[in-house]
Amino acid sequence: MNSALVTRREGAVLILSNNNPAARNALSPEYYHAVMDGLRAAGTDASVAAIILTGEGGHFCAGGDLNQLATRRAMPLAERRIKLEDLNHLIRAIRDCPKPVIAAVEGAAAGAGLSLAMACDLMVAAKSAVFSVAYVKVGLTPDGGATSFLAEFVSRQVLTELCLTGERISGERMHALGCINRLTETGAALHAALALAQQLAQGPEVATARIKTLCRVAHHHSLEEQLALEADYMVEAQGSEESREGIGAFLEKRAPDFARLRSAE
């Protein structure tokens, strides 16, 4: 039996690839747990500086496995909730991972697959990628934070239309909405995501984690809350080895070597 997750390394970049291509990489409990384990391990591994989530076989993720979801009709409500929490735990694990997580999207990113992609800190997608909040078409409602993530980019009216129609959203439209950082030709999303990840991998580890947090909470914080958190991080950073290296490199007119600091841990 194939593993639910293919894991590989490209230098300081960890690639986690959904390995259920026969079902367009529909989600499974095995996938949830494997990715969460990978994220937890990467979070404390100084040799990992960035993470990419992608899918085998030309699709990112078609969302929940409808054959599995159909069996939940016979379950008590509380048991259904426990099953659903696996997805929520994965979304939180992406959010809480101190390393930047990049989605590399080809093909379908539907339902919870859309949620998974949008939970990532950055997204690279092919122009031909297709996104959808498709739950309504099978009598279900959004989960995995889909409505929360999309609400950061579109009006309530547009969000409602997307959720009530389940219409397909092209990679080009998602890029125009601001959801996608890099738009590529078909088949090139992983390559472009890897280039972006390798660029980020040259950065300062602690400062990167704090910047990720600042960007994640900025939409929800008041200005006063954000000023306070930025100040906390800035005064700590001013006394760090990372700022010693970064400022020193600037004054000495050389490139900073933050990777050396990670390898010294």
Protein backbone atom coordinates (compact mmCIF):
# COMPACT_ATOMS: atom_id res chain seq x y z
CA MET A 1 0.00 0.00 0.00
CA ASN A 2 1.36 3.43 -0.94
CA SER A 3 2.04 5.97 1.77
CA ALA A 4 -0.51 8.77 2.02
CA LEU A 5 2.36 11.27 1.89
CA VAL A 6 5.50 11.50 -0.21
CA THR A 7 8.25 13.37 1.62
CA ARG A 8 11.42 14.67 0.04
CA ARG A 9 14.10 17.28 0.68
CA GLU A 10 15.63 19.89 -1.60
CA GLY A 11 18.37 21.37 0.56
CA ALA A 12 16.71 23.30 3.38
CA VAL A 13 13.25 22.87 1.82
CA LEU A 14 10.91 20.07 2.90
CA ILE A 15 8.32 18.97 0.31
CA LEU A 16 5.19 17.18 1.55
CA SER A 17 3.14 15.75 -1.31
CA ASN A 18 -0.35 14.25 -1.06
CA ASN A 19 -0.11 10.76 -2.56
CA ASN A 20 -3.65 9.78 -3.49
CA PRO A 21 -3.63 10.61 -7.23
CA ALA A 22 -6.28 8.03 -8.15
CA ALA A 23 -8.78 10.13 -6.16
CA ARG A 24 -7.29 13.51 -7.20
CA ASN A 25 -5.56 13.55 -3.80
CA ALA A 26 -8.75 13.45 -1.73
CA LEU A 27 -8.05 13.79 1.98
CA SER A 28 -7.69 10.92 4.41
CA PRO A 29 -6.96 10.52 8.15
CA GLU A 30 -3.59 9.05 7.21
CA TYR A 31 -2.73 12.19 5.25
CA TYR A 32 -3.81 14.50 8.08
CA HIS A 33 -1.64 12.73 10.62
CA ALA A 34 1.37 12.36 8.31
CA VAL A 35 1.39 16.07 7.43
CA MET A 36 0.94 17.13 11.05
CA ASP A 37 3.84 14.88 12.06
CA GLY A 38 5.95 16.36 9.27
CA LEU A 39 5.12 19.94 10.26
CA ARG A 40 5.86 19.30 13.93
CA ALA A 41 9.21 17.71 13.15
CA ALA A 42 10.15 20.47 10.70
CA GLY A 43 9.23 23.14 13.24
CA THR A 44 12.06 22.04 15.53
CA ASP A 45 14.54 20.96 12.84
CA ALA A 46 17.07 23.73 12.21
CA SER A 47 18.00 22.14 8.88
CA VAL A 48 14.49 22.83 7.52
CA ALA A 49 13.91 26.47 6.60
CA ALA A 50 10.74 26.25 4.47
CA ILE A 51 8.02 23.74 3.62
CA ILE A 52 6.00 23.10 0.45
CA LEU A 53 2.63 21.34 0.37
CA THR A 54 1.70 19.87 -3.01
CA GLY A 55 0.08 16.83 -4.60
CA GLU A 56 1.14 13.94 -6.80
CA GLY A 57 -0.31 13.30 -10.25
CA GLY A 58 -1.32 16.78 -11.36
CA HIS A 59 -3.81 17.75 -8.66
CA PHE A 60 -3.35 19.55 -5.35
CA CYS A 61 -6.37 18.18 -3.47
CA ALA A 62 -9.99 17.46 -4.41
CA GLY A 63 -11.14 17.85 -0.80
CA GLY A 64 -12.87 15.28 1.34
CA ASP A 65 -13.34 11.69 0.18
CA LEU A 66 -17.09 11.51 -0.50
CA ASN A 67 -17.11 7.73 -0.07
CA GLN A 68 -15.76 8.21 3.45
CA LEU A 69 -18.04 11.15 4.19
CA ALA A 70 -21.08 9.09 3.18
CA THR A 71 -20.34 6.60 5.97
CA ARG A 72 -20.61 9.32 8.60
CA ARG A 73 -24.38 9.47 8.23
CA ALA A 74 -24.58 6.45 10.55
CA MET A 75 -22.28 8.00 13.17
CA PRO A 76 -23.45 9.93 16.23
CA LEU A 77 -23.01 13.69 15.89
CA ALA A 78 -20.20 13.76 18.47
CA GLU A 79 -18.23 11.14 16.54
CA ARG A 80 -18.64 13.10 13.31
CA ARG A 81 -17.23 16.15 15.08
CA ILE A 82 -14.19 14.17 16.23
CA LYS A 83 -13.55 13.07 12.64
CA LEU A 84 -13.86 16.64 11.37
CA GLU A 85 -11.41 17.93 13.97
CA ASP A 86 -8.59 16.11 12.15
CA LEU A 87 -8.93 18.69 9.37
CA ASN A 88 -9.08 21.56 11.84
CA HIS A 89 -5.98 20.28 13.63
CA LEU A 90 -4.12 20.23 10.30
CA ILE A 91 -5.17 23.80 9.47
CA ARG A 92 -3.94 24.93 12.90
CA ALA A 93 -0.67 23.01 12.45
CA ILE A 94 0.02 24.92 9.22
CA ARG A 95 -0.84 28.20 10.93
CA ASP A 96 1.31 27.47 13.99
CA CYS A 97 4.35 26.03 12.21
CA PRO A 98 7.23 28.50 12.72
CA LYS A 99 8.56 27.81 9.22
CA PRO A 100 6.93 29.38 6.12
CA VAL A 101 4.58 26.93 4.39
CA ILE A 102 3.98 27.32 0.64
CA ALA A 103 1.17 25.67 -1.33
CA ALA A 104 2.15 24.56 -4.84
CA VAL A 105 -1.14 24.07 -6.67
CA GLU A 106 -1.80 22.28 -9.95
CA GLY A 107 -5.19 20.98 -11.04
CA ALA A 108 -7.98 20.85 -8.48
CA ALA A 109 -8.05 22.57 -5.10
CA ALA A 110 -11.67 21.98 -4.13
CA GLY A 111 -13.57 22.06 -0.85
CA ALA A 112 -11.18 21.31 1.98
CA GLY A 113 -8.40 21.29 -0.63
CA LEU A 114 -9.03 25.01 -1.11
CA SER A 115 -8.95 25.46 2.68
CA LEU A 116 -5.65 23.61 2.86
CA ALA A 117 -4.07 25.75 0.14
CA MET A 118 -5.29 29.00 1.66
CA ALA A 119 -4.11 28.02 5.14
CA CYS A 120 -0.55 28.17 3.82
CA ASP A 121 1.48 31.35 4.23
CA LEU A 122 2.11 31.67 0.50
CA MET A 123 0.60 30.12 -2.62
CA VAL A 124 2.05 29.36 -6.03
CA ALA A 125 -0.42 28.03 -8.61
CA ALA A 126 -0.72 27.23 -12.28
CA LYS A 127 -2.98 29.41 -14.40
CA SER A 128 -4.93 26.24 -15.19
CA ALA A 129 -5.49 25.38 -11.51
CA VAL A 130 -9.15 25.24 -10.51
CA PHE A 131 -10.39 26.27 -7.07
CA SER A 132 -13.91 25.86 -5.70
CA VAL A 133 -15.93 26.01 -2.50
CA ALA A 134 -17.83 23.03 -3.81
CA TYR A 135 -19.62 21.82 -0.69
CA VAL A 136 -23.07 23.10 -1.70
CA LYS A 137 -23.13 20.80 -4.72
CA VAL A 138 -23.25 17.74 -2.44
CA GLY A 139 -25.48 19.26 0.24
CA LEU A 140 -22.67 20.16 2.62
CA THR A 141 -21.33 23.39 4.13
CA PRO A 142 -17.77 24.79 4.08
CA ASP A 143 -15.17 23.67 6.61
CA GLY A 144 -11.45 23.92 7.25
CA GLY A 145 -11.61 27.71 7.50
CA ALA A 146 -12.63 28.22 3.86
CA THR A 147 -15.02 31.08 4.62
CA SER A 148 -12.55 32.73 6.99
CA PHE A 149 -9.68 32.62 4.50
CA LEU A 150 -11.73 33.82 1.53
CA ALA A 151 -13.28 36.63 3.59
CA GLU A 152 -9.83 38.23 3.79
CA PHE A 153 -9.88 38.76 0.01
CA VAL A 154 -13.48 39.25 -1.13
CA SER A 155 -16.64 41.05 -0.03
CA ARG A 156 -19.41 39.27 1.83
CA GLN A 157 -21.50 39.29 -1.33
CA VAL A 158 -18.78 37.65 -3.43
CA LEU A 159 -18.03 35.15 -0.66
CA THR A 160 -21.71 34.24 -0.44
CA GLU A 161 -21.92 33.75 -4.21
CA LEU A 162 -18.85 31.53 -4.30
CA CYS A 163 -20.18 29.37 -1.46
CA LEU A 164 -23.79 29.18 -2.68
CA THR A 165 -22.91 28.37 -6.29
CA GLY A 166 -19.77 26.28 -5.75
CA GLU A 167 -18.52 27.77 -9.01
CA ARG A 168 -15.07 27.01 -10.33
CA ILE A 169 -12.50 29.77 -9.78
CA SER A 170 -9.54 29.89 -12.14
CA GLY A 171 -5.98 30.31 -11.00
CA GLU A 172 -5.93 33.63 -12.85
CA ARG A 173 -8.96 34.92 -10.93
CA MET A 174 -7.50 33.77 -7.60
CA HIS A 175 -4.32 35.63 -8.50
CA ALA A 176 -6.31 38.76 -9.34
CA LEU A 177 -8.06 38.51 -5.95
CA GLY A 178 -4.66 38.46 -4.23
CA CYS A 179 -4.85 34.86 -2.99
CA ILE A 180 -1.91 33.65 -5.11
CA ASN A 181 1.65 34.98 -4.91
CA ARG A 182 3.07 33.46 -8.10
CA LEU A 183 1.11 32.35 -11.17
CA THR A 184 2.79 29.83 -13.49
CA GLU A 185 2.21 27.81 -16.60
CA THR A 186 0.76 24.32 -16.18
CA GLY A 187 3.27 21.94 -14.63
CA ALA A 188 5.55 24.68 -13.29
CA ALA A 189 3.98 25.43 -9.88
CA LEU A 190 6.24 23.18 -7.84
CA HIS A 191 9.37 24.48 -9.57
CA ALA A 192 8.35 28.09 -8.87
CA ALA A 193 7.37 27.26 -5.29
CA LEU A 194 10.75 25.62 -4.75
CA ALA A 195 12.55 28.72 -6.04
CA LEU A 196 10.53 30.88 -3.65
CA ALA A 197 11.13 28.48 -0.75
CA GLN A 198 14.88 28.43 -1.41
CA GLN A 199 14.89 32.23 -1.38
CA LEU A 200 13.09 32.26 1.98
CA ALA A 201 15.46 29.59 3.29
CA GLN A 202 18.29 32.13 3.14
CA GLY A 203 16.52 34.31 5.70
CA PRO A 204 16.83 34.55 9.50
CA GLU A 205 14.96 31.70 11.21
CA VAL A 206 13.58 33.48 14.29
CA ALA A 207 12.74 36.72 12.49
CA THR A 208 10.99 34.74 9.76
CA ALA A 209 8.80 32.94 12.31
CA ARG A 210 7.88 36.24 13.96
CA ILE A 211 7.11 37.91 10.63
CA LYS A 212 4.84 34.97 9.80
CA THR A 213 2.96 35.55 13.06
CA LEU A 214 2.70 39.31 12.50
CA CYS A 215 1.24 38.82 9.03
CA ARG A 216 -1.18 36.14 10.24
CA VAL A 217 -2.69 38.23 13.05
CA ALA A 218 -2.61 41.64 11.32
CA HIS A 219 -6.05 41.16 9.76
CA HIS A 220 -7.64 40.48 13.15
CA HIS A 221 -5.67 42.78 15.47
CA SER A 222 -6.48 46.36 16.24
CA LEU A 223 -3.76 48.88 15.41
CA GLU A 224 -2.84 49.11 19.10
CA GLU A 225 -2.51 45.33 19.41
CA GLN A 226 -0.36 45.17 16.29
CA LEU A 227 1.86 48.06 17.39
CA ALA A 228 2.46 46.30 20.71
CA LEU A 229 3.31 42.95 19.13
CA GLU A 230 5.59 44.56 16.54
CA ALA A 231 7.38 46.45 19.32
CA ASP A 232 7.83 43.27 21.38
CA TYR A 233 9.38 41.46 18.44
CA MET A 234 11.52 44.42 17.34
CA VAL A 235 13.17 45.03 20.72
CA GLU A 236 13.94 41.33 21.04
CA ALA A 237 15.32 41.19 17.49
CA GLN A 238 17.64 44.13 18.13
CA GLY A 239 19.56 42.01 20.62
CA SER A 240 19.62 38.81 18.57
CA GLU A 241 22.46 37.07 16.78
CA GLU A 242 20.40 37.35 13.62
CA SER A 243 20.37 41.13 13.72
CA ARG A 244 24.07 41.13 14.62
CA GLU A 245 24.74 39.16 11.45
CA GLY A 246 22.27 41.09 9.29
CA ILE A 247 23.34 44.57 10.33
CA GLY A 248 27.00 43.57 10.31
CA ALA A 249 26.67 42.22 6.77
CA PHE A 250 24.99 45.42 5.61
CA LEU A 251 27.72 47.61 7.10
CA GLU A 252 30.44 45.34 5.70
CA LYS A 253 28.77 45.33 2.26
CA ARG A 254 28.39 41.54 2.08
CA ALA A 255 25.49 39.09 1.97
CA PRO A 256 24.30 37.94 5.41
CA ASP A 257 24.87 34.27 6.26
CA PHE A 258 21.83 33.37 8.34
CA ALA A 259 22.17 29.70 7.39
CA ARG A 260 25.38 29.59 9.44
CA LEU A 261 23.43 30.61 12.53
CA ARG A 262 20.92 27.80 11.97
CA SER A 263 23.64 25.22 11.50
CA ALA A 264 25.29 26.36 14.75
CA GLU A 265 22.19 25.49 16.81
